[in-house]
C-alpha atoms as a PDB file:
ATOM      1  CA  LYS A   1       3.432   7.550  45.866  1.00  0.00           C
ATOM      2  CA  ARG A   2       3.043   5.142  43.138  1.00  0.00           C
ATOM      3  CA  ASN A   3       2.499   5.990  39.353  1.00  0.00           C
ATOM      4  CA  ALA A   4       1.590   3.371  36.579  1.00  0.00           C
ATOM      5  CA  LEU A   5       2.258   3.653  32.979  1.00  0.00           C
ATOM      6  CA  ARG A   6       0.637   0.995  30.200  1.00  0.00           C
ATOM      7  CA  GLY A   7       3.019   1.188  27.624  1.00  0.00           C
ATOM      8  CA  LEU A   8       2.915  -0.719  24.554  1.00  0.00           C
ATOM      9  CA  MET A   9       2.643  -4.663  24.442  1.00  0.00           C
ATOM     10  CA  GLY A  10       1.293  -4.832  27.915  1.00  0.00           C
ATOM     11  CA  VAL A  11       4.223  -3.713  29.539  1.00  0.00           C
ATOM     12  CA  GLU A  12       3.600  -1.713  32.910  1.00  0.00           C
ATOM     13  CA  LEU A  13       5.977   1.097  34.112  1.00  0.00           C
ATOM     14  CA  VAL A  14       5.703   1.158  37.693  1.00  0.00           C
ATOM     15  CA  LEU A  15       7.501   4.651  39.146  1.00  0.00           C
ATOM     16  CA  ASN A  16       8.213   3.927  42.621  1.00  0.00           C
ATOM     17  CA  GLY A  17      10.044   7.564  43.808  1.00  0.00           C
ATOM     18  CA  ALA A  18      13.062   7.028  41.993  1.00  0.00           C
ATOM     19  CA  ASN A  19      12.668   3.269  41.143  1.00  0.00           C
ATOM     20  CA  LEU A  20      11.422   1.896  38.165  1.00  0.00           C
ATOM     21  CA  ASN A  21       9.592  -1.698  37.912  1.00  0.00           C
ATOM     22  CA  PHE A  22       9.056  -3.645  34.422  1.00  0.00           C
ATOM     23  CA  VAL A  23       6.082  -6.318  34.719  1.00  0.00           C
ATOM     24  CA  ALA A  24       5.283  -7.859  31.692  1.00  0.00           C
ATOM     25  CA  PHE A  25       1.414  -8.700  31.314  1.00  0.00           C
ATOM     26  CA  GLY A  26       0.252 -11.843  29.553  1.00  0.00           C
ATOM     27  CA  SER A  27       3.711 -13.381  30.148  1.00  0.00           C
ATOM     28  CA  LYS A  28       5.254 -16.117  32.342  1.00  0.00           C
ATOM     29  CA  PHE A  29       8.461 -14.188  33.214  1.00  0.00           C
ATOM     30  CA  LEU A  30       7.009 -11.305  35.888  1.00  0.00           C
ATOM     31  CA  ARG A  31      10.418 -10.245  36.768  1.00  0.00           C
ATOM     32  CA  PRO A  32       9.912  -6.659  38.222  1.00  0.00           C
ATOM     33  CA  SER A  33      13.733  -4.983  37.899  1.00  0.00           C
ATOM     34  CA  THR A  34      14.630  -1.872  39.921  1.00  0.00           C
ATOM     35  CA  LEU A  35      16.516   0.798  37.888  1.00  0.00           C
ATOM     36  CA  GLY A  36      17.819   4.071  39.075  1.00  0.00           C
ATOM     37  CA  LEU A  37      16.447   7.345  37.374  1.00  0.00           C
ATOM     38  CA  ASP A  38      19.176   7.059  34.492  1.00  0.00           C
ATOM     39  CA  GLY A  39      17.853   3.394  34.118  1.00  0.00           C
ATOM     40  CA  GLU A  40      14.103   5.183  33.749  1.00  0.00           C
ATOM     41  CA  LEU A  41      15.126   7.441  31.135  1.00  0.00           C
ATOM     42  CA  ILE A  42      16.978   4.887  29.216  1.00  0.00           C
ATOM     43  CA  ALA A  43      13.647   2.664  29.397  1.00  0.00           C
ATOM     44  CA  LEU A  44      11.452   5.346  28.156  1.00  0.00           C
ATOM     45  CA  PHE A  45      14.141   6.444  25.529  1.00  0.00           C
ATOM     46  CA  VAL A  46      13.978   2.658  24.177  1.00  0.00           C
ATOM     47  CA  ILE A  47      10.216   2.446  24.274  1.00  0.00           C
ATOM     48  CA  GLY A  48       9.797   6.041  22.229  1.00  0.00           C
ATOM     49  CA  ILE A  49      12.311   4.601  19.957  1.00  0.00           C
ATOM     50  CA  TYR A  50      10.537   1.194  19.694  1.00  0.00           C
ATOM     51  CA  ASN A  51       6.987   3.154  19.276  1.00  0.00           C
ATOM     52  CA  GLY A  52       8.525   5.215  16.842  1.00  0.00           C
ATOM     53  CA  LEU A  53       9.786   2.357  14.386  1.00  0.00           C
ATOM     54  CA  ILE A  54       6.436   0.358  14.764  1.00  0.00           C
ATOM     55  CA  GLY A  55       4.494   3.631  13.651  1.00  0.00           C
ATOM     56  CA  ARG A  56       6.800   4.246  10.816  1.00  0.00           C
ATOM     57  CA  ARG A  57       6.487   0.125   9.915  1.00  0.00           C
ATOM     58  CA  ASN A  58       2.669   0.773  10.157  1.00  0.00           C
ATOM     59  CA  ARG A  59       2.799   3.765   7.755  1.00  0.00           C
ATOM     60  CA  VAL A  60       4.809   1.655   5.437  1.00  0.00           C
ATOM     61  CA  ASP A  61       2.034  -0.963   5.422  1.00  0.00           C
ATOM     62  CA  GLU A  62      -0.930   1.767   4.831  1.00  0.00           C
ATOM     63  CA  ALA A  63       1.147   3.002   1.935  1.00  0.00           C
ATOM     64  CA  LEU A  64       1.398  -0.451   0.424  1.00  0.00           C
ATOM     65  CA  ALA A  65      -2.475  -0.997   1.143  1.00  0.00           C
ATOM     66  CA  GLN A  66      -3.144   2.510  -0.871  1.00  0.00           C
ATOM     67  CA  ILE A  67      -1.489   1.343  -3.791  1.00  0.00           C
ATOM     68  CA  GLU A  68      -3.220  -1.838  -4.026  1.00  0.00           C
ATOM     69  CA  VAL A  69      -6.389  -0.129  -3.604  1.00  0.00           C
ATOM     70  CA  GLN A  70      -5.670   1.655  -6.492  1.00  0.00           C
ATOM     71  CA  LEU A  71      -4.379  -1.081  -8.530  1.00  0.00           C
ATOM     72  CA  LYS A  72      -7.928  -2.553  -7.867  1.00  0.00           C
ATOM     73  CA  ARG A  73      -9.454   0.588  -8.971  1.00  0.00           C
ATOM     74  CA  ARG A  74      -7.881   0.159 -12.238  1.00  0.00           C
ATOM     75  CA  HIS A  75      -8.329  -3.753 -12.736  1.00  0.00           C
ATOM     76  CA  ASP A  76     -12.083  -2.881 -12.069  1.00  0.00           C
ATOM     77  CA  LEU A  77     -12.236  -0.379 -14.822  1.00  0.00           C
ATOM     78  CA  ILE A  78     -10.498  -2.515 -17.561  1.00  0.00           C
ATOM     79  CA  PRO A  79     -13.806  -5.358 -17.957  1.00  0.00           C
ATOM     80  CA  ASN A  80     -15.865  -1.747 -18.513  1.00  0.00           C
ATOM     81  CA  LEU A  81     -13.481  -0.331 -21.042  1.00  0.00           C
ATOM     82  CA  VAL A  82     -12.981  -3.489 -23.052  1.00  0.00           C
ATOM     83  CA  GLU A  83     -16.662  -3.651 -23.184  1.00  0.00           C
ATOM     84  CA  VAL A  84     -17.166  -0.529 -24.698  1.00  0.00           C
ATOM     85  CA  VAL A  85     -14.450  -0.700 -27.023  1.00  0.00           C
ATOM     86  CA  LYS A  86     -15.393  -4.367 -28.075  1.00  0.00           C
ATOM     87  CA  ASP A  87     -18.282  -3.061 -30.040  1.00  0.00           C
ATOM     88  CA  TYR A  88     -15.974  -0.505 -32.414  1.00  0.00           C
ATOM     89  CA  MET A  89     -13.076  -2.730 -32.705  1.00  0.00           C
ATOM     90  CA  SER A  90     -14.144  -5.900 -34.098  1.00  0.00           C
ATOM     91  CA  PHE A  91     -10.731  -6.176 -36.008  1.00  0.00           C
ATOM     92  CA  GLU A  92      -8.537  -5.834 -32.947  1.00  0.00           C
ATOM     93  CA  GLN A  93      -9.466  -9.114 -31.000  1.00  0.00           C
ATOM     94  CA  GLU A  94      -6.252  -9.785 -30.183  1.00  0.00           C
ATOM     95  CA  THR A  95      -5.473  -6.270 -28.426  1.00  0.00           C
ATOM     96  CA  LEU A  96      -8.736  -6.772 -26.517  1.00  0.00           C
ATOM     97  CA  GLN A  97      -7.531 -10.305 -25.747  1.00  0.00           C
ATOM     98  CA  GLN A  98      -4.297  -8.949 -24.628  1.00  0.00           C
ATOM     99  CA  VAL A  99      -5.710  -6.142 -22.329  1.00  0.00           C
ATOM    100  CA  ILE A 100      -7.952  -9.237 -20.806  1.00  0.00           C
ATOM    101  CA  LYS A 101      -5.507 -11.530 -20.199  1.00  0.00           C
ATOM    102  CA  ALA A 102      -2.982  -9.200 -18.681  1.00  0.00           C
ATOM    103  CA  ARG A 103      -5.417  -7.811 -16.604  1.00  0.00           C
ATOM    104  CA  ASN A 104      -6.552 -11.309 -15.169  1.00  0.00           C
ATOM    105  CA  SER A 105      -2.573 -12.019 -14.667  1.00  0.00           C
ATOM    106  CA  ALA A 106      -2.424  -9.022 -12.352  1.00  0.00           C
ATOM    107  CA  VAL A 107      -5.489  -9.728 -10.408  1.00  0.00           C
ATOM    108  CA  GLN A 108      -4.621 -13.004  -9.561  1.00  0.00           C
ATOM    109  CA  ALA A 109      -0.536 -12.403  -8.788  1.00  0.00           C
ATOM    110  CA  ALA A 110       0.545 -13.861  -5.607  1.00  0.00           C
ATOM    111  CA  THR A 111       3.978 -12.202  -4.630  1.00  0.00           C
ATOM    112  CA  PRO A 112       4.494  -8.763  -4.911  1.00  0.00           C
ATOM    113  CA  THR A 113       7.210  -9.508  -7.572  1.00  0.00           C
ATOM    114  CA  GLU A 114       4.569 -11.492  -9.601  1.00  0.00           C
ATOM    115  CA  ALA A 115       2.211  -8.293  -9.262  1.00  0.00           C
ATOM    116  CA  MET A 116       4.645  -5.807 -10.437  1.00  0.00           C
ATOM    117  CA  ALA A 117       5.572  -7.755 -13.224  1.00  0.00           C
ATOM    118  CA  ALA A 118       1.768  -8.514 -14.087  1.00  0.00           C
ATOM    119  CA  GLU A 119       1.286  -4.734 -13.614  1.00  0.00           C
ATOM    120  CA  GLY A 120       3.891  -3.601 -16.138  1.00  0.00           C
ATOM    121  CA  ILE A 121       2.661  -6.087 -18.572  1.00  0.00           C
ATOM    122  CA  LEU A 122      -1.150  -4.623 -17.940  1.00  0.00           C
ATOM    123  CA  SER A 123       0.282  -0.857 -18.282  1.00  0.00           C
ATOM    124  CA  GLY A 124       1.947  -1.881 -21.773  1.00  0.00           C
ATOM    125  CA  ALA A 125      -1.453  -3.813 -23.110  1.00  0.00           C
ATOM    126  CA  LEU A 126      -3.477  -0.965 -22.266  1.00  0.00           C
ATOM    127  CA  ASN A 127      -0.824   1.334 -23.560  1.00  0.00           C
ATOM    128  CA  ARG A 128      -1.077  -0.511 -26.914  1.00  0.00           C
ATOM    129  CA  LEU A 129      -4.974  -0.334 -26.571  1.00  0.00           C
ATOM    130  CA  LEU A 130      -4.988   3.395 -26.502  1.00  0.00           C
ATOM    131  CA  ALA A 131      -3.494   3.842 -29.064  1.00  0.00           C
ATOM    132  CA  VAL A 132      -5.274   1.381 -31.440  1.00  0.00           C
ATOM    133  CA  VAL A 133      -8.170   3.703 -30.201  1.00  0.00           C
ATOM    134  CA  GLU A 134      -6.808   6.605 -32.388  1.00  0.00           C
ATOM    135  CA  ALA A 135      -7.530   4.840 -35.604  1.00  0.00           C
ATOM    136  CA  TYR A 136     -11.550   4.721 -34.771  1.00  0.00           C
ATOM    137  CA  PRO A 137     -13.020   8.233 -35.030  1.00  0.00           C
ATOM    138  CA  ASP A 138     -16.593   6.924 -33.581  1.00  0.00           C
ATOM    139  CA  LEU A 139     -14.958   5.110 -30.520  1.00  0.00           C
ATOM    140  CA  LYS A 140     -13.311   8.349 -29.419  1.00  0.00           C
ATOM    141  CA  ALA A 141     -16.488  10.454 -29.773  1.00  0.00           C
ATOM    142  CA  ASN A 142     -18.250   8.124 -27.603  1.00  0.00           C
ATOM    143  CA  GLN A 143     -19.233   9.127 -24.320  1.00  0.00           C
ATOM    144  CA  ASN A 144     -18.719   6.418 -22.307  1.00  0.00           C
ATOM    145  CA  PHE A 145     -15.334   5.363 -23.270  1.00  0.00           C
ATOM    146  CA  LEU A 146     -14.112   9.462 -22.978  1.00  0.00           C
ATOM    147  CA  MET A 147     -15.383   8.855 -19.405  1.00  0.00           C
ATOM    148  CA  LEU A 148     -13.507   5.454 -18.820  1.00  0.00           C
ATOM    149  CA  GLN A 149     -10.643   6.765 -20.626  1.00  0.00           C
ATOM    150  CA  GLN A 150     -10.645   9.963 -18.563  1.00  0.00           C
ATOM    151  CA  GLU A 151     -11.470   7.435 -15.220  1.00  0.00           C
ATOM    152  CA  LEU A 152      -8.571   5.358 -16.115  1.00  0.00           C
ATOM    153  CA  SER A 153      -5.945   8.517 -16.310  1.00  0.00           C
ATOM    154  CA  SER A 154      -7.080   9.302 -12.928  1.00  0.00           C
ATOM    155  CA  VAL A 155      -6.639   6.258 -11.253  1.00  0.00           C
ATOM    156  CA  GLU A 156      -3.162   5.967 -13.099  1.00  0.00           C
ATOM    157  CA  ASN A 157      -2.348   9.253 -11.718  1.00  0.00           C
ATOM    158  CA  LYS A 158      -3.383   8.180  -8.332  1.00  0.00           C
ATOM    159  CA  ILE A 159      -1.441   5.027  -8.674  1.00  0.00           C
ATOM    160  CA  ALA A 160       1.880   6.778  -9.154  1.00  0.00           C
ATOM    161  CA  PHE A 161       1.247   9.147  -6.548  1.00  0.00           C
ATOM    162  CA  SER A 162       0.939   6.495  -4.332  1.00  0.00           C
ATOM    163  CA  ARG A 163       3.978   4.560  -5.425  1.00  0.00           C
ATOM    164  CA  GLN A 164       6.006   8.290  -4.808  1.00  0.00           C
ATOM    165  CA  HIS A 165       4.408   8.053  -1.305  1.00  0.00           C
ATOM    166  CA  TYR A 166       5.124   4.251  -0.684  1.00  0.00           C
ATOM    167  CA  ASN A 167       9.010   5.025  -1.659  1.00  0.00           C
ATOM    168  CA  ASP A 168       9.026   8.111   0.418  1.00  0.00           C
ATOM    169  CA  VAL A 169       7.819   6.305   3.223  1.00  0.00           C
ATOM    170  CA  VAL A 170      10.025   2.998   2.855  1.00  0.00           C
ATOM    171  CA  ARG A 171      13.041   5.494   2.567  1.00  0.00           C
ATOM    172  CA  THR A 172      12.005   7.083   5.711  1.00  0.00           C
ATOM    173  CA  TYR A 173      11.815   3.940   7.705  1.00  0.00           C
ATOM    174  CA  ASN A 174      15.017   2.615   6.630  1.00  0.00           C
ATOM    175  CA  THR A 175      16.608   5.877   6.839  1.00  0.00           C
ATOM    176  CA  VAL A 176      15.347   5.471  11.096  1.00  0.00           C
ATOM    177  CA  GLN A 177      15.799   2.003  11.167  1.00  0.00           C
END
């Protein structure tokens, strides 16, 4: 009786009664090795651990991608917010320029360290902008501004949640590794 299980990365486990043969596909090395029943269990255990680590690493990558998606949503909202605010805040051009510059730096960040620093600067610039808005009652009553401000707040909450989820997934991955 011969049962074949195809595993991760082109490895085929061939069960011949009490023997286990490993055959690597797509490799120059086709070395079948015969193991006893204990060897079969060890091999399956090692493959299970390996698959678990790969799965956890993939969850880390997915969590990081979610953060990037939310940051992109925030980056896309900022030009609309600046356009609405620009008409009302003719005396606050410096604040608007800081927000635009910070957004462009965040979009162009090449490394995670640069992105983290640029996102911190962008958050500070947005906070200053929203603080300045308090001095303009007409702007605070503008429906477009209110909608954009609400959407920005929602995206900020999603970013915070995504970062927390990422930290949890990384902690789990590091603990298991």
